[in-house]
Amino acid sequence: MIKPELYDVVEIITELPEYNLHAGTRGTVVLQYSDEDFEIEFVDEEGNSLAICTLPLHQFIVVWQANGEHAVSITDQIAQIVSRLPNEVGSEVLDFARFLSMRANHSS
């Protein structure tokens, strides 16, 4: 599990209608309140602040790490999401991944 750190870029995985933010919106960690709660700033393309909100860890994933200045791999992004799902839902994800693997192997 990737632990968010100051200035990491994160992507929300839930809708936040109260802030007019949609799943997939990216923001930056600007403050950590606890191991589970982080203040995230969201800006538009011109750098204007769209929202600053405190989010619990289960509402976002880390997609870029400031400490190493590198993007988080797709595999690690998926693992972050799956690790937060109930086991029965995680099993569905595993079944879907198996299906995609079989489909990819048959089309090669």
N, C-alpha and C. Protein backbone atom coordinates (compact mmCIF):
# COMPACT_ATOMS: atom_id res chain seq x y z
N MET A 1 0.84 -1.19 0.00
CA MET A 1 0.00 0.00 0.00
C MET A 1 0.88 1.24 0.00
N ILE A 2 0.57 2.17 -0.87
CA ILE A 2 1.33 3.41 -0.96
C ILE A 2 0.75 4.42 0.01
N LYS A 3 1.59 4.92 0.89
CA LYS A 3 1.15 5.90 1.88
C LYS A 3 1.31 7.30 1.30
N PRO A 4 0.23 8.09 1.28
CA PRO A 4 0.33 9.46 0.74
C PRO A 4 1.29 10.31 1.57
N GLU A 5 2.03 11.14 0.89
CA GLU A 5 2.94 12.07 1.55
C GLU A 5 2.70 13.47 0.99
N LEU A 6 3.23 14.45 1.69
CA LEU A 6 3.07 15.85 1.30
C LEU A 6 3.51 16.06 -0.14
N TYR A 7 2.68 16.73 -0.91
CA TYR A 7 2.89 17.10 -2.32
C TYR A 7 2.71 15.96 -3.32
N ASP A 8 2.31 14.79 -2.85
CA ASP A 8 1.96 13.73 -3.79
C ASP A 8 0.71 14.13 -4.56
N VAL A 9 0.61 13.68 -5.80
CA VAL A 9 -0.59 13.90 -6.60
C VAL A 9 -1.50 12.69 -6.39
N VAL A 10 -2.75 12.98 -6.10
CA VAL A 10 -3.72 11.91 -5.85
C VAL A 10 -4.89 12.05 -6.82
N GLU A 11 -5.64 10.96 -6.96
CA GLU A 11 -6.82 10.94 -7.82
C GLU A 11 -7.98 10.42 -6.99
N ILE A 12 -9.08 11.19 -6.97
CA ILE A 12 -10.21 10.71 -6.18
C ILE A 12 -10.89 9.56 -6.91
N ILE A 13 -11.38 8.61 -6.12
CA ILE A 13 -12.03 7.43 -6.69
C ILE A 13 -13.51 7.40 -6.36
N THR A 14 -14.00 8.50 -5.82
CA THR A 14 -15.43 8.64 -5.54
C THR A 14 -15.89 10.00 -6.05
N GLU A 15 -17.17 10.14 -6.25
CA GLU A 15 -17.73 11.43 -6.62
C GLU A 15 -17.80 12.31 -5.36
N LEU A 16 -17.50 13.58 -5.50
CA LEU A 16 -17.62 14.53 -4.41
C LEU A 16 -18.51 15.69 -4.87
N PRO A 17 -19.82 15.45 -4.97
CA PRO A 17 -20.72 16.47 -5.51
C PRO A 17 -20.74 17.77 -4.70
N GLU A 18 -20.47 17.67 -3.40
CA GLU A 18 -20.47 18.88 -2.58
C GLU A 18 -19.35 19.85 -2.95
N TYR A 19 -18.33 19.34 -3.65
CA TYR A 19 -17.22 20.17 -4.15
C TYR A 19 -17.22 20.27 -5.67
N ASN A 20 -18.22 19.66 -6.32
CA ASN A 20 -18.31 19.60 -7.78
C ASN A 20 -17.07 18.92 -8.38
N LEU A 21 -16.62 17.84 -7.72
CA LEU A 21 -15.47 17.07 -8.17
C LEU A 21 -15.92 15.66 -8.52
N HIS A 22 -15.40 15.13 -9.61
CA HIS A 22 -15.79 13.82 -10.10
C HIS A 22 -14.65 12.82 -9.91
N ALA A 23 -15.00 11.55 -9.83
CA ALA A 23 -13.98 10.51 -9.75
C ALA A 23 -13.01 10.70 -10.92
N GLY A 24 -11.73 10.58 -10.63
CA GLY A 24 -10.71 10.80 -11.64
C GLY A 24 -10.05 12.17 -11.54
N THR A 25 -10.65 13.09 -10.79
CA THR A 25 -10.07 14.42 -10.61
C THR A 25 -8.80 14.29 -9.76
N ARG A 26 -7.78 15.01 -10.16
CA ARG A 26 -6.49 14.94 -9.46
C ARG A 26 -6.25 16.19 -8.63
N GLY A 27 -5.59 15.98 -7.51
CA GLY A 27 -5.25 17.07 -6.61
C GLY A 27 -3.92 16.77 -5.93
N THR A 28 -3.50 17.66 -5.05
CA THR A 28 -2.21 17.54 -4.37
C THR A 28 -2.41 17.51 -2.86
N VAL A 29 -1.69 16.61 -2.20
CA VAL A 29 -1.73 16.55 -0.74
C VAL A 29 -1.00 17.78 -0.20
N VAL A 30 -1.71 18.59 0.59
CA VAL A 30 -1.10 19.79 1.15
C VAL A 30 -0.97 19.75 2.66
N LEU A 31 -1.64 18.78 3.30
CA LEU A 31 -1.57 18.65 4.75
C LEU A 31 -2.03 17.26 5.15
N GLN A 32 -1.41 16.71 6.18
CA GLN A 32 -1.83 15.41 6.71
C GLN A 32 -2.28 15.62 8.15
N TYR A 33 -3.52 15.23 8.44
CA TYR A 33 -4.07 15.38 9.78
C TYR A 33 -3.85 14.13 10.63
N SER A 34 -3.91 12.97 10.00
CA SER A 34 -3.71 11.70 10.69
C SER A 34 -3.28 10.68 9.63
N ASP A 35 -3.17 9.42 10.03
CA ASP A 35 -2.83 8.38 9.07
C ASP A 35 -3.93 8.17 8.03
N GLU A 36 -5.13 8.64 8.35
CA GLU A 36 -6.30 8.40 7.49
C GLU A 36 -6.88 9.65 6.84
N ASP A 37 -6.53 10.84 7.31
CA ASP A 37 -7.16 12.07 6.82
C ASP A 37 -6.14 13.05 6.28
N PHE A 38 -6.42 13.53 5.05
CA PHE A 38 -5.48 14.40 4.34
C PHE A 38 -6.23 15.59 3.74
N GLU A 39 -5.57 16.74 3.72
CA GLU A 39 -6.13 17.90 3.04
C GLU A 39 -5.58 17.90 1.62
N ILE A 40 -6.49 17.95 0.66
CA ILE A 40 -6.13 17.89 -0.75
C ILE A 40 -6.58 19.17 -1.43
N GLU A 41 -5.71 19.74 -2.24
CA GLU A 41 -6.08 20.94 -3.02
C GLU A 41 -6.24 20.54 -4.47
N PHE A 42 -7.34 20.98 -5.06
CA PHE A 42 -7.64 20.74 -6.47
C PHE A 42 -7.60 22.08 -7.19
N VAL A 43 -6.88 22.13 -8.32
CA VAL A 43 -6.75 23.37 -9.08
C VAL A 43 -7.13 23.12 -10.53
N ASP A 44 -7.51 24.20 -11.24
CA ASP A 44 -7.81 24.06 -12.66
C ASP A 44 -6.52 24.23 -13.46
N GLU A 45 -6.62 24.21 -14.77
CA GLU A 45 -5.44 24.26 -15.65
C GLU A 45 -4.69 25.58 -15.54
N GLU A 46 -5.35 26.63 -15.07
CA GLU A 46 -4.69 27.93 -14.90
C GLU A 46 -4.10 28.10 -13.51
N GLY A 47 -4.29 27.10 -12.65
CA GLY A 47 -3.74 27.16 -11.30
C GLY A 47 -4.69 27.76 -10.28
N ASN A 48 -5.93 28.04 -10.68
CA ASN A 48 -6.92 28.58 -9.74
C ASN A 48 -7.48 27.45 -8.89
N SER A 49 -7.61 27.72 -7.60
CA SER A 49 -8.11 26.70 -6.69
C SER A 49 -9.58 26.39 -6.96
N LEU A 50 -9.88 25.10 -7.15
CA LEU A 50 -11.26 24.64 -7.33
C LEU A 50 -11.87 24.24 -5.99
N ALA A 51 -11.05 23.59 -5.17
CA ALA A 51 -11.52 23.13 -3.86
C ALA A 51 -10.32 22.72 -3.02
N ILE A 52 -10.48 22.91 -1.73
CA ILE A 52 -9.55 22.37 -0.75
C ILE A 52 -10.41 21.61 0.23
N CYS A 53 -10.17 20.31 0.35
CA CYS A 53 -11.04 19.52 1.22
C CYS A 53 -10.25 18.45 1.95
N THR A 54 -10.76 18.09 3.10
CA THR A 54 -10.18 17.01 3.88
C THR A 54 -10.84 15.71 3.46
N LEU A 55 -10.02 14.77 3.03
CA LEU A 55 -10.54 13.49 2.55
C LEU A 55 -9.91 12.33 3.31
N PRO A 56 -10.72 11.31 3.59
CA PRO A 56 -10.16 10.10 4.17
C PRO A 56 -9.44 9.29 3.10
N LEU A 57 -8.49 8.50 3.51
CA LEU A 57 -7.65 7.72 2.61
C LEU A 57 -8.44 6.86 1.64
N HIS A 58 -9.61 6.36 2.04
CA HIS A 58 -10.37 5.47 1.15
C HIS A 58 -11.01 6.17 -0.04
N GLN A 59 -10.92 7.51 -0.10
CA GLN A 59 -11.55 8.23 -1.21
C GLN A 59 -10.58 8.60 -2.33
N PHE A 60 -9.31 8.24 -2.20
CA PHE A 60 -8.35 8.60 -3.25
C PHE A 60 -7.20 7.60 -3.30
N ILE A 61 -6.46 7.64 -4.41
CA ILE A 61 -5.25 6.86 -4.57
C ILE A 61 -4.11 7.80 -4.95
N VAL A 62 -2.89 7.40 -4.68
CA VAL A 62 -1.70 8.16 -5.07
C VAL A 62 -1.35 7.78 -6.50
N VAL A 63 -1.17 8.80 -7.37
CA VAL A 63 -0.81 8.53 -8.77
C VAL A 63 0.57 9.07 -9.14
N TRP A 64 1.13 9.94 -8.29
CA TRP A 64 2.47 10.48 -8.53
C TRP A 64 3.08 10.78 -7.17
N GLN A 65 4.32 10.31 -6.97
CA GLN A 65 4.98 10.51 -5.70
C GLN A 65 6.02 11.61 -5.79
N ALA A 66 5.85 12.62 -4.96
CA ALA A 66 6.76 13.76 -4.97
C ALA A 66 8.16 13.37 -4.49
N ASN A 67 8.23 12.47 -3.53
CA ASN A 67 9.52 12.10 -2.95
C ASN A 67 10.48 11.53 -3.98
N GLY A 68 10.01 10.71 -4.89
CA GLY A 68 10.87 10.15 -5.92
C GLY A 68 10.66 10.78 -7.27
N GLU A 69 9.73 11.74 -7.33
CA GLU A 69 9.36 12.41 -8.58
C GLU A 69 9.08 11.41 -9.69
N HIS A 70 8.15 10.47 -9.40
CA HIS A 70 7.80 9.48 -10.40
C HIS A 70 6.32 9.10 -10.30
N ALA A 71 5.81 8.68 -11.44
CA ALA A 71 4.42 8.23 -11.50
C ALA A 71 4.29 6.86 -10.86
N VAL A 72 3.15 6.63 -10.27
CA VAL A 72 2.83 5.32 -9.69
C VAL A 72 2.35 4.43 -10.84
N SER A 73 2.86 3.22 -10.91
CA SER A 73 2.48 2.31 -12.00
C SER A 73 0.99 1.99 -11.95
N ILE A 74 0.45 1.62 -13.11
CA ILE A 74 -0.95 1.21 -13.20
C ILE A 74 -1.22 0.05 -12.24
N THR A 75 -0.30 -0.90 -12.19
CA THR A 75 -0.44 -2.05 -11.30
C THR A 75 -0.60 -1.60 -9.85
N ASP A 76 0.22 -0.66 -9.42
CA ASP A 76 0.14 -0.17 -8.04
C ASP A 76 -1.12 0.67 -7.81
N GLN A 77 -1.56 1.39 -8.84
CA GLN A 77 -2.81 2.15 -8.69
C GLN A 77 -3.99 1.19 -8.49
N ILE A 78 -4.03 0.14 -9.30
CA ILE A 78 -5.09 -0.85 -9.17
C ILE A 78 -5.03 -1.52 -7.79
N ALA A 79 -3.81 -1.87 -7.36
CA ALA A 79 -3.64 -2.52 -6.06
C ALA A 79 -4.15 -1.63 -4.93
N GLN A 80 -3.94 -0.32 -5.03
CA GLN A 80 -4.44 0.59 -4.00
C GLN A 80 -5.96 0.51 -3.89
N ILE A 81 -6.62 0.48 -5.04
CA ILE A 81 -8.08 0.42 -5.04
C ILE A 81 -8.57 -0.93 -4.52
N VAL A 82 -8.01 -2.01 -5.05
CA VAL A 82 -8.46 -3.35 -4.69
C VAL A 82 -8.23 -3.61 -3.20
N SER A 83 -7.14 -3.10 -2.65
CA SER A 83 -6.84 -3.36 -1.23
C SER A 83 -7.89 -2.75 -0.30
N ARG A 84 -8.67 -1.81 -0.79
CA ARG A 84 -9.69 -1.16 0.03
C ARG A 84 -11.09 -1.76 -0.16
N LEU A 85 -11.19 -2.73 -1.05
CA LEU A 85 -12.49 -3.34 -1.33
C LEU A 85 -12.76 -4.51 -0.38
N PRO A 86 -14.03 -4.79 -0.12
CA PRO A 86 -14.34 -6.02 0.63
C PRO A 86 -13.88 -7.24 -0.17
N ASN A 87 -13.56 -8.33 0.52
CA ASN A 87 -13.03 -9.53 -0.14
C ASN A 87 -13.90 -10.03 -1.28
N GLU A 88 -15.22 -10.03 -1.11
CA GLU A 88 -16.08 -10.55 -2.17
C GLU A 88 -16.01 -9.67 -3.43
N VAL A 89 -15.85 -8.40 -3.25
CA VAL A 89 -15.72 -7.50 -4.41
C VAL A 89 -14.33 -7.68 -5.03
N GLY A 90 -13.31 -7.85 -4.19
CA GLY A 90 -11.97 -8.11 -4.70
C GLY A 90 -11.93 -9.38 -5.53
N SER A 91 -12.71 -10.37 -5.13
CA SER A 91 -12.78 -11.62 -5.91
C SER A 91 -13.38 -11.37 -7.29
N GLU A 92 -14.35 -10.47 -7.38
CA GLU A 92 -14.92 -10.12 -8.68
C GLU A 92 -13.88 -9.45 -9.57
N VAL A 93 -13.07 -8.59 -8.97
CA VAL A 93 -12.00 -7.93 -9.73
C VAL A 93 -11.01 -8.98 -10.23
N LEU A 94 -10.67 -9.93 -9.39
CA LEU A 94 -9.76 -11.00 -9.80
C LEU A 94 -10.35 -11.81 -10.95
N ASP A 95 -11.64 -12.14 -10.87
CA ASP A 95 -12.29 -12.87 -11.96
C ASP A 95 -12.24 -12.07 -13.26
N PHE A 96 -12.47 -10.78 -13.17
CA PHE A 96 -12.43 -9.92 -14.37
C PHE A 96 -11.01 -9.87 -14.93
N ALA A 97 -10.01 -9.77 -14.05
CA ALA A 97 -8.61 -9.76 -14.51
C ALA A 97 -8.25 -11.07 -15.22
N ARG A 98 -8.75 -12.18 -14.69
CA ARG A 98 -8.53 -13.47 -15.35
C ARG A 98 -9.16 -13.48 -16.74
N PHE A 99 -10.38 -12.96 -16.84
CA PHE A 99 -11.06 -12.89 -18.13
C PHE A 99 -10.25 -12.05 -19.12
N LEU A 100 -9.77 -10.89 -18.69
CA LEU A 100 -8.97 -10.03 -19.57
C LEU A 100 -7.68 -10.73 -19.99
N SER A 101 -7.07 -11.44 -19.08
CA SER A 101 -5.84 -12.17 -19.39
C SER A 101 -6.09 -13.25 -20.44
N MET A 102 -7.18 -14.00 -20.26
CA MET A 102 -7.52 -15.04 -21.23
C MET A 102 -7.82 -14.43 -22.59
N ARG A 103 -8.55 -13.32 -22.61
CA ARG A 103 -8.87 -12.65 -23.86
C ARG A 103 -7.61 -12.15 -24.57
N ALA A 104 -6.69 -11.59 -23.80
CA ALA A 104 -5.44 -11.08 -24.38
C ALA A 104 -4.61 -12.23 -24.94
N ASN A 105 -4.58 -13.35 -24.24
CA ASN A 105 -3.79 -14.51 -24.70
C ASN A 105 -4.39 -15.14 -25.94
N HIS A 106 -5.71 -15.10 -26.08
CA HIS A 106 -6.36 -15.68 -27.26
C HIS A 106 -6.24 -14.80 -28.50
N SER A 107 -6.09 -13.50 -28.29
CA SER A 107 -5.99 -12.60 -29.44
C SER A 107 -4.56 -12.46 -29.96
N SER A 108 -3.58 -12.99 -29.21
CA SER A 108 -2.18 -12.90 -29.65
C SER A 108 -1.85 -13.89 -30.72
